[in-house]
Structures are given as structure tokens and as C-alpha cells.
PDB file of all heavy atoms in Angstrom:
ATOM      1  N   ALA A   1     152.517 165.918  88.940  1.00  0.00           N
ATOM      2  CA  ALA A   1     153.801 166.398  89.449  1.00  0.00           C
ATOM      3  C   ALA A   1     154.753 165.235  89.684  1.00  0.00           C
ATOM      4  O   ALA A   1     155.963 165.332  89.394  1.00  0.00           O
ATOM      5  CB  ALA A   1     153.580 167.182  90.741  1.00  0.00           C
ATOM      6  N   TRP A   2     154.238 164.127  90.196  1.00  0.00           N
ATOM      7  CA  TRP A   2     155.086 162.958  90.459  1.00  0.00           C
ATOM      8  C   TRP A   2     155.625 162.381  89.152  1.00  0.00           C
ATOM      9  O   TRP A   2     156.822 162.057  89.054  1.00  0.00           O
ATOM     10  CB  TRP A   2     154.287 161.903  91.224  1.00  0.00           C
ATOM     11  CG  TRP A   2     155.136 160.777  91.755  1.00  0.00           C
ATOM     12  CD1 TRP A   2     155.717 160.713  92.982  1.00  0.00           C
ATOM     13  CD2 TRP A   2     155.504 159.580  91.055  1.00  0.00           C
ATOM     14  NE1 TRP A   2     156.433 159.539  93.098  1.00  0.00           N
ATOM     15  CE2 TRP A   2     156.319 158.823  91.932  1.00  0.00           C
ATOM     16  CE3 TRP A   2     155.231 159.070  89.791  1.00  0.00           C
ATOM     17  CZ2 TRP A   2     156.843 157.599  91.574  1.00  0.00           C
ATOM     18  CZ3 TRP A   2     155.767 157.844  89.425  1.00  0.00           C
ATOM     19  CH2 TRP A   2     156.559 157.118  90.316  1.00  0.00           C
ATOM     20  N   LEU A   3     154.772 162.234  88.159  1.00  0.00           N
ATOM     21  CA  LEU A   3     155.207 161.698  86.871  1.00  0.00           C
ATOM     22  C   LEU A   3     156.281 162.585  86.241  1.00  0.00           C
ATOM     23  O   LEU A   3     157.277 162.082  85.699  1.00  0.00           O
ATOM     24  CB  LEU A   3     154.005 161.570  85.934  1.00  0.00           C
ATOM     25  CG  LEU A   3     152.982 160.484  86.294  1.00  0.00           C
ATOM     26  CD1 LEU A   3     151.685 160.706  85.524  1.00  0.00           C
ATOM     27  CD2 LEU A   3     153.536 159.092  86.010  1.00  0.00           C
ATOM     28  N   LYS A   4     156.103 163.880  86.322  1.00  0.00           N
ATOM     29  CA  LYS A   4     157.100 164.816  85.781  1.00  0.00           C
ATOM     30  C   LYS A   4     158.428 164.664  86.499  1.00  0.00           C
ATOM     31  O   LYS A   4     159.498 164.668  85.857  1.00  0.00           O
ATOM     32  CB  LYS A   4     156.586 166.249  85.910  1.00  0.00           C
ATOM     33  CG  LYS A   4     157.527 167.291  85.329  1.00  0.00           C
ATOM     34  CD  LYS A   4     156.932 168.698  85.446  1.00  0.00           C
ATOM     35  CE  LYS A   4     157.879 169.745  84.861  1.00  0.00           C
ATOM     36  NZ  LYS A   4     157.297 171.116  84.967  1.00  0.00           N
ATOM     37  N   ALA A   5     158.372 164.491  87.824  1.00  0.00           N
ATOM     38  CA  ALA A   5     159.606 164.343  88.601  1.00  0.00           C
ATOM     39  C   ALA A   5     160.366 163.074  88.231  1.00  0.00           C
ATOM     40  O   ALA A   5     161.586 163.012  88.376  1.00  0.00           O
ATOM     41  CB  ALA A   5     159.279 164.346  90.094  1.00  0.00           C
ATOM     42  N   GLN A   6     159.664 162.063  87.727  1.00  0.00           N
ATOM     43  CA  GLN A   6     160.322 160.812  87.326  1.00  0.00           C
ATOM     44  C   GLN A   6     160.855 160.877  85.895  1.00  0.00           C
ATOM     45  O   GLN A   6     161.454 159.908  85.423  1.00  0.00           O
ATOM     46  CB  GLN A   6     159.344 159.633  87.441  1.00  0.00           C
ATOM     47  CG  GLN A   6     158.667 159.483  88.780  1.00  0.00           C
ATOM     48  CD  GLN A   6     159.632 159.523  89.935  1.00  0.00           C
ATOM     49  OE1 GLN A   6     160.637 158.799  89.943  1.00  0.00           O
ATOM     50  NE2 GLN A   6     159.345 160.355  90.933  1.00  0.00           N
ATOM     51  N   GLY A   7     160.619 161.978  85.220  1.00  0.00           N
ATOM     52  CA  GLY A   7     161.080 162.098  83.840  1.00  0.00           C
ATOM     53  C   GLY A   7     160.184 161.399  82.845  1.00  0.00           C
ATOM     54  O   GLY A   7     160.596 161.131  81.707  1.00  0.00           O
ATOM     55  N   ILE A   8     158.945 161.104  83.238  1.00  0.00           N
ATOM     56  CA  ILE A   8     157.987 160.478  82.323  1.00  0.00           C
ATOM     57  C   ILE A   8     157.287 161.612  81.576  1.00  0.00           C
ATOM     58  O   ILE A   8     156.521 162.384  82.158  1.00  0.00           O
ATOM     59  CB  ILE A   8     156.987 159.601  83.094  1.00  0.00           C
ATOM     60  CG1 ILE A   8     157.754 158.469  83.811  1.00  0.00           C
ATOM     61  CG2 ILE A   8     155.921 159.020  82.155  1.00  0.00           C
ATOM     62  CD1 ILE A   8     156.907 157.647  84.761  1.00  0.00           C
ATOM     63  N   THR A   9     157.562 161.726  80.296  1.00  0.00           N
ATOM     64  CA  THR A   9     157.149 162.919  79.542  1.00  0.00           C
ATOM     65  C   THR A   9     155.933 162.701  78.650  1.00  0.00           C
ATOM     66  O   THR A   9     155.272 163.664  78.263  1.00  0.00           O
ATOM     67  CB  THR A   9     158.313 163.418  78.676  1.00  0.00           C
ATOM     68  OG1 THR A   9     158.748 162.356  77.802  1.00  0.00           O
ATOM     69  CG2 THR A   9     159.484 163.850  79.549  1.00  0.00           C
ATOM     70  N   ASP A  10     155.653 161.463  78.277  1.00  0.00           N
ATOM     71  CA  ASP A  10     154.487 161.188  77.425  1.00  0.00           C
ATOM     72  C   ASP A  10     153.259 161.092  78.321  1.00  0.00           C
ATOM     73  O   ASP A  10     152.776 160.004  78.653  1.00  0.00           O
ATOM     74  CB  ASP A  10     154.696 159.901  76.638  1.00  0.00           C
ATOM     75  CG  ASP A  10     153.593 159.666  75.598  1.00  0.00           C
ATOM     76  OD1 ASP A  10     152.622 160.451  75.583  1.00  0.00           O
ATOM     77  OD2 ASP A  10     153.700 158.689  74.831  1.00  0.00           O
ATOM     78  N   VAL A  11     152.768 162.242  78.739  1.00  0.00           N
ATOM     79  CA  VAL A  11     151.657 162.322  79.697  1.00  0.00           C
ATOM     80  C   VAL A  11     150.559 163.197  79.094  1.00  0.00           C
ATOM     81  O   VAL A  11     150.823 164.277  78.568  1.00  0.00           O
ATOM     82  CB  VAL A  11     152.123 162.919  81.035  1.00  0.00           C
ATOM     83  CG1 VAL A  11     150.949 163.053  82.001  1.00  0.00           C
ATOM     84  CG2 VAL A  11     153.229 162.056  81.653  1.00  0.00           C
ATOM     85  N   THR A  12     149.327 162.704  79.174  1.00  0.00           N
ATOM     86  CA  THR A  12     148.170 163.449  78.656  1.00  0.00           C
ATOM     87  C   THR A  12     147.079 163.456  79.712  1.00  0.00           C
ATOM     88  O   THR A  12     146.796 162.423  80.323  1.00  0.00           O
ATOM     89  CB  THR A  12     147.620 162.804  77.368  1.00  0.00           C
ATOM     90  OG1 THR A  12     148.681 162.655  76.416  1.00  0.00           O
ATOM     91  CG2 THR A  12     146.508 163.657  76.775  1.00  0.00           C
ATOM     92  N   GLU A  13     146.473 164.626  79.913  1.00  0.00           N
ATOM     93  CA  GLU A  13     145.324 164.720  80.813  1.00  0.00           C
ATOM     94  C   GLU A  13     144.054 164.877  79.996  1.00  0.00           C
ATOM     95  O   GLU A  13     144.020 165.634  79.027  1.00  0.00           O
ATOM     96  CB  GLU A  13     145.465 165.910  81.768  1.00  0.00           C
ATOM     97  CG  GLU A  13     144.275 166.045  82.718  1.00  0.00           C
ATOM     98  CD  GLU A  13     144.369 167.265  83.614  1.00  0.00           C
ATOM     99  OE1 GLU A  13     145.491 167.635  84.008  1.00  0.00           O
ATOM    100  OE2 GLU A  13     143.307 167.857  83.901  1.00  0.00           O
ATOM    101  N   TYR A  14     143.038 164.142  80.393  1.00  0.00           N
ATOM    102  CA  TYR A  14     141.726 164.225  79.759  1.00  0.00           C
ATOM    103  C   TYR A  14     140.725 164.746  80.786  1.00  0.00           C
ATOM    104  O   TYR A  14     140.737 164.316  81.938  1.00  0.00           O
ATOM    105  CB  TYR A  14     141.286 162.851  79.248  1.00  0.00           C
ATOM    106  CG  TYR A  14     142.249 162.261  78.238  1.00  0.00           C
ATOM    107  CD1 TYR A  14     143.310 161.450  78.653  1.00  0.00           C
ATOM    108  CD2 TYR A  14     142.116 162.511  76.877  1.00  0.00           C
ATOM    109  CE1 TYR A  14     144.201 160.903  77.736  1.00  0.00           C
ATOM    110  CE2 TYR A  14     143.002 161.968  75.948  1.00  0.00           C
ATOM    111  CZ  TYR A  14     144.046 161.168  76.387  1.00  0.00           C
ATOM    112  OH  TYR A  14     144.923 160.636  75.480  1.00  0.00           O
ATOM    113  N   GLN A  15     139.853 165.653  80.361  1.00  0.00           N
ATOM    114  CA  GLN A  15     138.928 166.303  81.287  1.00  0.00           C
ATOM    115  C   GLN A  15     137.491 166.065  80.847  1.00  0.00           C
ATOM    116  O   GLN A  15     137.032 166.602  79.838  1.00  0.00           O
ATOM    117  CB  GLN A  15     139.227 167.806  81.357  1.00  0.00           C
ATOM    118  CG  GLN A  15     140.627 168.121  81.880  1.00  0.00           C
ATOM    119  CD  GLN A  15     140.908 169.612  81.939  1.00  0.00           C
ATOM    120  OE1 GLN A  15     140.137 170.425  81.435  1.00  0.00           O
ATOM    121  NE2 GLN A  15     142.024 169.974  82.549  1.00  0.00           N
ATOM    122  N   ALA A  16     136.789 165.248  81.626  1.00  0.00           N
ATOM    123  CA  ALA A  16     135.370 165.006  81.370  1.00  0.00           C
ATOM    124  C   ALA A  16     134.557 166.116  82.031  1.00  0.00           C
ATOM    125  O   ALA A  16     134.640 166.295  83.244  1.00  0.00           O
ATOM    126  CB  ALA A  16     134.964 163.644  81.933  1.00  0.00           C
ATOM    127  N   PRO A  17     133.784 166.888  81.274  1.00  0.00           N
ATOM    128  CA  PRO A  17     133.038 168.006  81.867  1.00  0.00           C
ATOM    129  C   PRO A  17     132.067 167.539  82.954  1.00  0.00           C
ATOM    130  O   PRO A  17     131.337 166.562  82.769  1.00  0.00           O
ATOM    131  CB  PRO A  17     132.274 168.583  80.668  1.00  0.00           C
ATOM    132  CG  PRO A  17     133.054 168.147  79.469  1.00  0.00           C
ATOM    133  CD  PRO A  17     133.594 166.797  79.817  1.00  0.00           C
ATOM    134  N   ASP A  18     132.081 168.233  84.082  1.00  0.00           N
ATOM    135  CA  ASP A  18     131.172 167.936  85.196  1.00  0.00           C
ATOM    136  C   ASP A  18     130.954 169.226  85.978  1.00  0.00           C
ATOM    137  O   ASP A  18     131.821 169.654  86.747  1.00  0.00           O
ATOM    138  CB  ASP A  18     131.748 166.843  86.092  1.00  0.00           C
ATOM    139  CG  ASP A  18     130.756 166.364  87.142  1.00  0.00           C
ATOM    140  OD1 ASP A  18     129.701 167.000  87.315  1.00  0.00           O
ATOM    141  OD2 ASP A  18     131.041 165.345  87.814  1.00  0.00           O
ATOM    142  N   SER A  19     129.809 169.851  85.775  1.00  0.00           N
ATOM    143  CA  SER A  19     129.534 171.148  86.390  1.00  0.00           C
ATOM    144  C   SER A  19     129.328 171.064  87.895  1.00  0.00           C
ATOM    145  O   SER A  19     129.271 172.095  88.561  1.00  0.00           O
ATOM    146  CB  SER A  19     128.295 171.775  85.739  1.00  0.00           C
ATOM    147  OG  SER A  19     127.161 170.947  85.926  1.00  0.00           O
ATOM    148  N   ARG A  20     129.225 169.874  88.435  1.00  0.00           N
ATOM    149  CA  ARG A  20     128.975 169.733  89.868  1.00  0.00           C
ATOM    150  C   ARG A  20     130.201 169.996  90.729  1.00  0.00           C
ATOM    151  O   ARG A  20     130.081 170.173  91.943  1.00  0.00           O
ATOM    152  CB  ARG A  20     128.435 168.324  90.162  1.00  0.00           C
ATOM    153  CG  ARG A  20     127.111 168.003  89.470  1.00  0.00           C
ATOM    154  CD  ARG A  20     126.755 166.546  89.675  1.00  0.00           C
ATOM    155  NE  ARG A  20     127.791 165.671  89.134  1.00  0.00           N
ATOM    156  CZ  ARG A  20     127.866 164.359  89.392  1.00  0.00           C
ATOM    157  NH1 ARG A  20     126.978 163.794  90.196  1.00  0.00           N
ATOM    158  NH2 ARG A  20     128.821 163.640  88.845  1.00  0.00           N
ATOM    159  N   VAL A  21     131.392 169.971  90.121  1.00  0.00           N
ATOM    160  CA  VAL A  21     132.616 170.226  90.876  1.00  0.00           C
ATOM    161  C   VAL A  21     133.153 171.602  90.505  1.00  0.00           C
ATOM    162  O   VAL A  21     132.914 172.100  89.396  1.00  0.00           O
ATOM    163  CB  VAL A  21     133.679 169.133  90.622  1.00  0.00           C
ATOM    164  CG1 VAL A  21     133.198 167.792  91.148  1.00  0.00           C
ATOM    165  CG2 VAL A  21     134.020 169.015  89.139  1.00  0.00           C
ATOM    166  N   SER A  22     133.894 172.203  91.421  1.00  0.00           N
ATOM    167  CA  SER A  22     134.298 173.601  91.252  1.00  0.00           C
ATOM    168  C   SER A  22     135.206 173.820  90.053  1.00  0.00           C
ATOM    169  O   SER A  22     135.151 174.883  89.412  1.00  0.00           O
ATOM    170  CB  SER A  22     134.984 174.107  92.527  1.00  0.00           C
ATOM    171  OG  SER A  22     136.109 173.306  92.848  1.00  0.00           O
ATOM    172  N   CYS A  23     136.043 172.844  89.712  1.00  0.00           N
ATOM    173  CA  CYS A  23     136.926 173.012  88.553  1.00  0.00           C
ATOM    174  C   CYS A  23     136.203 172.750  87.238  1.00  0.00           C
ATOM    175  O   CYS A  23     136.742 173.037  86.160  1.00  0.00           O
ATOM    176  CB  CYS A  23     138.150 172.106  88.676  1.00  0.00           C
ATOM    177  SG  CYS A  23     137.782 170.341  88.569  1.00  0.00           S
ATOM    178  N   GLY A  24     135.007 172.179  87.292  1.00  0.00           N
ATOM    179  CA  GLY A  24     134.198 171.987  86.107  1.00  0.00           C
ATOM    180  C   GLY A  24     134.480 170.738  85.303  1.00  0.00           C
ATOM    181  O   GLY A  24     133.903 170.548  84.230  1.00  0.00           O
ATOM    182  N   HIS A  25     135.353 169.864  85.804  1.00  0.00           N
ATOM    183  CA  HIS A  25     135.675 168.656  85.050  1.00  0.00           C
ATOM    184  C   HIS A  25     136.194 167.566  85.988  1.00  0.00           C
ATOM    185  O   HIS A  25     136.534 167.836  87.134  1.00  0.00           O
ATOM    186  CB  HIS A  25     136.723 168.948  83.968  1.00  0.00           C
ATOM    187  CG  HIS A  25     138.028 169.426  84.537  1.00  0.00           C
ATOM    188  ND1 HIS A  25     138.355 170.764  84.627  1.00  0.00           N
ATOM    189  CD2 HIS A  25     139.081 168.754  85.078  1.00  0.00           C
ATOM    190  CE1 HIS A  25     139.553 170.889  85.187  1.00  0.00           C
ATOM    191  NE2 HIS A  25     140.011 169.688  85.463  1.00  0.00           N
ATOM    192  N   ARG A  26     136.274 166.357  85.457  1.00  0.00           N
ATOM    193  CA  ARG A  26     136.841 165.219  86.188  1.00  0.00           C
ATOM    194  C   ARG A  26     138.057 164.732  85.410  1.00  0.00           C
ATOM    195  O   ARG A  26     137.940 164.253  84.283  1.00  0.00           O
ATOM    196  CB  ARG A  26     135.803 164.105  86.303  1.00  0.00           C
ATOM    197  CG  ARG A  26     134.442 164.567  86.852  1.00  0.00           C
ATOM    198  CD  ARG A  26     134.496 164.919  88.325  1.00  0.00           C
ATOM    199  NE  ARG A  26     134.701 163.735  89.126  1.00  0.00           N
ATOM    200  CZ  ARG A  26     133.734 162.881  89.445  1.00  0.00           C
ATOM    201  NH1 ARG A  26     132.491 163.087  89.015  1.00  0.00           N
ATOM    202  NH2 ARG A  26     133.993 161.826  90.192  1.00  0.00           N
ATOM    203  N   PRO A  27     139.247 164.843  85.972  1.00  0.00           N
ATOM    204  CA  PRO A  27     140.468 164.529  85.234  1.00  0.00           C
ATOM    205  C   PRO A  27     140.856 163.047  85.272  1.00  0.00           C
ATOM    206  O   PRO A  27     140.709 162.366  86.290  1.00  0.00           O
ATOM    207  CB  PRO A  27     141.527 165.357  85.970  1.00  0.00           C
ATOM    208  CG  PRO A  27     141.024 165.400  87.388  1.00  0.00           C
ATOM    209  CD  PRO A  27     139.530 165.422  87.293  1.00  0.00           C
ATOM    210  N   SER A  28     141.333 162.554  84.144  1.00  0.00           N
ATOM    211  CA  SER A  28     141.994 161.260  84.051  1.00  0.00           C
ATOM    212  C   SER A  28     143.351 161.482  83.390  1.00  0.00           C
ATOM    213  O   SER A  28     143.513 162.402  82.588  1.00  0.00           O
ATOM    214  CB  SER A  28     141.169 160.266  83.234  1.00  0.00           C
ATOM    215  OG  SER A  28     139.957 159.936  83.887  1.00  0.00           O
ATOM    216  N   ILE A  29     144.330 160.633  83.731  1.00  0.00           N
ATOM    217  CA  ILE A  29     145.705 160.828  83.272  1.00  0.00           C
ATOM    218  C   ILE A  29     146.189 159.588  82.538  1.00  0.00           C
ATOM    219  O   ILE A  29     146.051 158.458  83.029  1.00  0.00           O
ATOM    220  CB  ILE A  29     146.641 161.105  84.470  1.00  0.00           C
ATOM    221  CG1 ILE A  29     146.222 162.392  85.190  1.00  0.00           C
ATOM    222  CG2 ILE A  29     148.097 161.186  84.005  1.00  0.00           C
ATOM    223  CD1 ILE A  29     146.923 162.576  86.524  1.00  0.00           C
ATOM    224  N   LYS A  30     146.765 159.816  81.368  1.00  0.00           N
ATOM    225  CA  LYS A  30     147.438 158.753  80.613  1.00  0.00           C
ATOM    226  C   LYS A  30     148.930 159.050  80.594  1.00  0.00           C
ATOM    227  O   LYS A  30     149.347 160.154  80.233  1.00  0.00           O
ATOM    228  CB  LYS A  30     146.910 158.703  79.184  1.00  0.00           C
ATOM    229  CG  LYS A  30     147.564 157.628  78.309  1.00  0.00           C
ATOM    230  CD  LYS A  30     147.193 157.776  76.846  1.00  0.00           C
ATOM    231  CE  LYS A  30     147.974 158.891  76.173  1.00  0.00           C
ATOM    232  NZ  LYS A  30     147.778 158.965  74.716  1.00  0.00           N
ATOM    233  N   ALA A  31     149.741 158.058  80.992  1.00  0.00           N
ATOM    234  CA  ALA A  31     151.196 158.199  80.928  1.00  0.00           C
ATOM    235  C   ALA A  31     151.764 156.948  80.269  1.00  0.00           C
ATOM    236  O   ALA A  31     151.382 155.830  80.634  1.00  0.00           O
ATOM    237  CB  ALA A  31     151.779 158.382  82.329  1.00  0.00           C
ATOM    238  N   VAL A  32     152.661 157.121  79.309  1.00  0.00           N
ATOM    239  CA  VAL A  32     153.173 155.993  78.531  1.00  0.00           C
ATOM    240  C   VAL A  32     154.694 156.037  78.494  1.00  0.00           C
ATOM    241  O   VAL A  32     155.299 157.097  78.263  1.00  0.00           O
ATOM    242  CB  VAL A  32     152.616 156.009  77.093  1.00  0.00           C
ATOM    243  CG1 VAL A  32     153.215 154.867  76.274  1.00  0.00           C
ATOM    244  CG2 VAL A  32     151.099 155.918  77.109  1.00  0.00           C
ATOM    245  N   ILE A  33     155.310 154.882  78.723  1.00  0.00           N
ATOM    246  CA  ILE A  33     156.750 154.704  78.517  1.00  0.00           C
ATOM    247  C   ILE A  33     156.913 153.862  77.257  1.00  0.00           C
ATOM    248  O   ILE A  33     156.464 152.709  77.222  1.00  0.00           O
ATOM    249  CB  ILE A  33     157.406 154.022  79.728  1.00  0.00           C
ATOM    250  CG1 ILE A  33     157.303 154.931  80.962  1.00  0.00           C
ATOM    251  CG2 ILE A  33     158.868 153.680  79.432  1.00  0.00           C
ATOM    252  CD1 ILE A  33     157.827 154.306  82.234  1.00  0.00           C
TER     253      ILE A  33
END
């Protein structure tokens, strides 16, 4: 949400599967200017 508010648009989320957490994954974020 913060990156979007700054107008940084080249943003990708990567989700490593992990069944131990309720959402089922562990997120990492790449943002590039």
C-alpha cells in the first residue's frame, strides 16, 4: 500500500508456499524504479 501511494508501479509480489501460516505462503516484494 505504501509503495502504491508513492506512485511506484513496477512492483511484484512473490509467494513462497508455507502451509504453517494461515495465508499459506510467505510474501516477498520487489519494487523497481
